[in-house]
Amino acid sequence: MENDSSGDSPKPPAQPTSAQAREALNTLDADGKSLSQRVVTPWWYHTALGLIVALLVGSQAFSGPASIMVVALSIVAIPVLTMTYSSRYGVTVTQPAGPLSRRLLLVTLGVVLLAFLAGVAIKVVGASPWWVAIPAVVAFTVTLVLGRRYDDALRNEIAGTRDQTR
């Protein structure tokens, strides 16, 4: 087997001076602050997402094919909404940036899942379909309120700042 190296061991990279390391960290901090200013969610995003989630939960009020169609449309609407945001603002955030945004995301997802399961339970027990409105409203409200808090936490974590009140 032929070896392309000349036999010399590669030199280790030069260690930066403390001033160079400090400058690199300051540049990263400035980049984080600049990026956090670009991650601005418009007023309509969480409202639209909340409506989609409420529709998904509320789909349990329908019977047969109508329920399946509403679920399918809701599932398609979520990526359309996120792609619209990404193309309009040029920023895509795919995961939480720190512990607070991670907790807020998990709580939001947990409440939405519980609301959906409540809708399914209402359908299974044969209660009036109008009862599904309660978990649908809860899912909408949680998506709207915690979604905005998530965005605030995400921006603070990207910028490297923390809001100590939360």
Protein backbone atom coordinates (compact mmCIF):
# COMPACT_ATOMS: atom_id res chain seq x y z
CA MET A 1 0.00 0.00 0.00
CA GLU A 2 1.37 3.36 -0.96
CA ASN A 3 1.54 6.19 1.55
CA ASP A 4 1.15 9.78 0.36
CA SER A 5 2.82 11.33 3.38
CA SER A 6 6.45 12.27 3.21
CA GLY A 7 7.20 10.46 6.43
CA ASP A 8 7.45 13.60 8.50
CA SER A 9 5.02 13.84 11.34
CA PRO A 10 2.69 16.83 11.02
CA LYS A 11 3.47 19.81 13.17
CA PRO A 12 0.93 20.50 15.90
CA PRO A 13 -1.03 23.71 15.40
CA ALA A 14 0.46 26.74 17.05
CA GLN A 15 -1.11 27.66 20.37
CA PRO A 16 -2.79 31.05 20.23
CA THR A 17 -1.67 33.71 22.63
CA SER A 18 -4.05 34.73 25.38
CA ALA A 19 -4.79 37.96 23.49
CA GLN A 20 -5.66 35.99 20.34
CA ALA A 21 -7.88 33.61 22.30
CA ARG A 22 -9.64 36.54 23.98
CA GLU A 23 -10.17 38.20 20.60
CA ALA A 24 -11.60 34.97 19.15
CA LEU A 25 -14.02 34.65 22.08
CA ASN A 26 -15.07 38.28 21.73
CA THR A 27 -15.72 37.70 18.03
CA LEU A 28 -17.85 34.66 18.86
CA ASP A 29 -19.80 36.67 21.44
CA ALA A 30 -20.44 39.41 18.88
CA ASP A 31 -21.54 36.80 16.32
CA GLY A 32 -23.95 35.29 18.86
CA LYS A 33 -25.44 38.68 19.64
CA SER A 34 -25.78 39.46 15.95
CA LEU A 35 -27.45 36.12 15.27
CA SER A 36 -29.82 36.53 18.21
CA GLN A 37 -31.05 39.79 16.69
CA ARG A 38 -31.86 37.97 13.44
CA VAL A 39 -33.88 35.27 15.22
CA VAL A 40 -36.96 37.43 15.49
CA THR A 41 -40.25 35.65 15.19
CA PRO A 42 -43.02 37.75 13.63
CA TRP A 43 -46.28 38.25 15.53
CA TRP A 44 -48.18 35.96 13.19
CA TYR A 45 -45.92 32.90 13.56
CA HIS A 46 -47.03 31.63 16.98
CA THR A 47 -50.63 32.60 16.27
CA ALA A 48 -50.59 30.51 13.09
CA LEU A 49 -48.76 27.65 14.81
CA GLY A 50 -51.26 27.76 17.68
CA LEU A 51 -54.16 27.59 15.22
CA ILE A 52 -52.59 24.61 13.45
CA VAL A 53 -52.03 22.82 16.77
CA ALA A 54 -55.59 23.62 17.92
CA LEU A 55 -56.90 22.28 14.63
CA LEU A 56 -54.85 19.11 15.10
CA VAL A 57 -56.25 18.62 18.61
CA GLY A 58 -59.74 19.63 17.49
CA SER A 59 -59.67 17.10 14.67
CA GLN A 60 -60.98 14.58 17.18
CA ALA A 61 -64.34 16.36 17.08
CA PHE A 62 -64.82 15.17 13.51
CA SER A 63 -65.71 11.66 12.51
CA GLY A 64 -64.25 9.33 9.92
CA PRO A 65 -62.43 10.72 6.91
CA ALA A 66 -62.93 14.34 7.98
CA SER A 67 -60.81 13.75 11.08
CA ILE A 68 -58.05 12.11 9.05
CA MET A 69 -58.10 14.92 6.49
CA VAL A 70 -57.81 17.61 9.19
CA VAL A 71 -54.88 15.78 10.79
CA ALA A 72 -53.16 15.43 7.40
CA LEU A 73 -53.67 19.12 6.57
CA SER A 74 -52.36 20.12 9.99
CA ILE A 75 -49.27 17.97 9.59
CA VAL A 76 -48.59 19.51 6.17
CA ALA A 77 -49.24 23.05 7.43
CA ILE A 78 -46.48 22.92 10.08
CA PRO A 79 -43.55 22.53 7.65
CA VAL A 80 -45.16 25.05 5.29
CA LEU A 81 -45.26 27.55 8.15
CA THR A 82 -41.65 26.93 9.16
CA MET A 83 -40.41 27.08 5.56
CA THR A 84 -42.29 30.35 5.06
CA TYR A 85 -40.59 31.79 8.13
CA SER A 86 -37.16 30.49 7.09
CA SER A 87 -37.39 31.82 3.54
CA ARG A 88 -38.73 35.20 4.64
CA TYR A 89 -36.25 35.83 7.46
CA GLY A 90 -33.26 33.77 6.30
CA VAL A 91 -32.85 32.05 9.66
CA THR A 92 -33.60 28.47 10.61
CA VAL A 93 -33.37 27.33 14.21
CA THR A 94 -33.62 23.58 14.50
CA GLN A 95 -33.01 23.01 18.18
CA PRO A 96 -32.97 24.75 21.54
CA ALA A 97 -29.83 26.72 22.34
CA GLY A 98 -29.72 26.07 26.07
CA PRO A 99 -31.45 24.62 29.11
CA LEU A 100 -34.31 27.12 29.43
CA SER A 101 -35.33 26.95 25.77
CA ARG A 102 -35.08 23.14 25.95
CA ARG A 103 -37.38 23.02 29.01
CA LEU A 104 -39.89 25.39 27.42
CA LEU A 105 -39.96 23.32 24.24
CA LEU A 106 -40.46 20.07 26.16
CA VAL A 107 -43.22 21.55 28.32
CA THR A 108 -44.99 22.91 25.23
CA LEU A 109 -44.75 19.57 23.43
CA GLY A 110 -45.91 17.73 26.54
CA VAL A 111 -48.98 19.90 27.01
CA VAL A 112 -49.88 19.67 23.32
CA LEU A 113 -49.53 15.88 23.46
CA LEU A 114 -51.74 15.73 26.57
CA ALA A 115 -54.31 17.97 24.87
CA PHE A 116 -54.35 15.70 21.84
CA LEU A 117 -54.74 12.62 24.04
CA ALA A 118 -57.58 14.37 25.90
CA GLY A 119 -59.29 14.94 22.56
CA VAL A 120 -58.86 11.28 21.69
CA ALA A 121 -60.25 10.25 25.10
CA ILE A 122 -63.28 12.50 24.62
CA LYS A 123 -63.92 10.86 21.26
CA VAL A 124 -63.43 7.33 22.62
CA VAL A 125 -65.83 7.76 25.54
CA GLY A 126 -68.48 9.11 23.20
CA ALA A 127 -68.88 12.51 24.85
CA SER A 128 -70.18 15.44 22.85
CA PRO A 129 -67.59 16.52 20.26
CA TRP A 130 -67.88 20.07 21.58
CA TRP A 131 -65.85 19.02 24.64
CA VAL A 132 -62.82 18.74 22.34
CA ALA A 133 -62.84 22.54 22.18
CA ILE A 134 -61.40 22.69 25.72
CA PRO A 135 -58.13 20.83 24.99
CA ALA A 136 -57.93 22.60 21.62
CA VAL A 137 -58.08 26.02 23.32
CA VAL A 138 -55.52 24.88 25.89
CA ALA A 139 -53.18 23.71 23.12
CA PHE A 140 -53.59 27.01 21.25
CA THR A 141 -52.94 29.09 24.37
CA VAL A 142 -49.90 27.08 25.45
CA THR A 143 -48.44 27.19 21.94
CA LEU A 144 -48.93 30.95 21.76
CA VAL A 145 -47.71 31.87 25.25
CA LEU A 146 -44.89 29.38 25.73
CA GLY A 147 -43.84 29.74 22.08
CA ARG A 148 -43.14 33.43 22.64
CA ARG A 149 -41.31 32.68 25.89
CA TYR A 150 -39.31 30.03 24.05
CA ASP A 151 -38.26 32.61 21.46
CA ASP A 152 -37.16 35.04 24.17
CA ALA A 153 -35.15 32.32 25.93
CA LEU A 154 -33.65 31.16 22.64
CA ARG A 155 -32.50 34.67 21.72
CA ASN A 156 -30.99 35.19 25.18
CA GLU A 157 -29.18 31.86 25.05
CA ILE A 158 -27.84 32.51 21.55
CA ALA A 159 -26.66 35.96 22.61
CA GLY A 160 -25.03 34.49 25.70
CA THR A 161 -27.20 36.45 28.12
CA ARG A 162 -29.61 35.08 30.67
CA ASP A 163 -32.83 36.49 31.97
CA GLN A 164 -32.54 35.78 35.70
CA THR A 165 -36.27 36.32 36.34
CA ARG A 166 -37.28 33.00 34.78
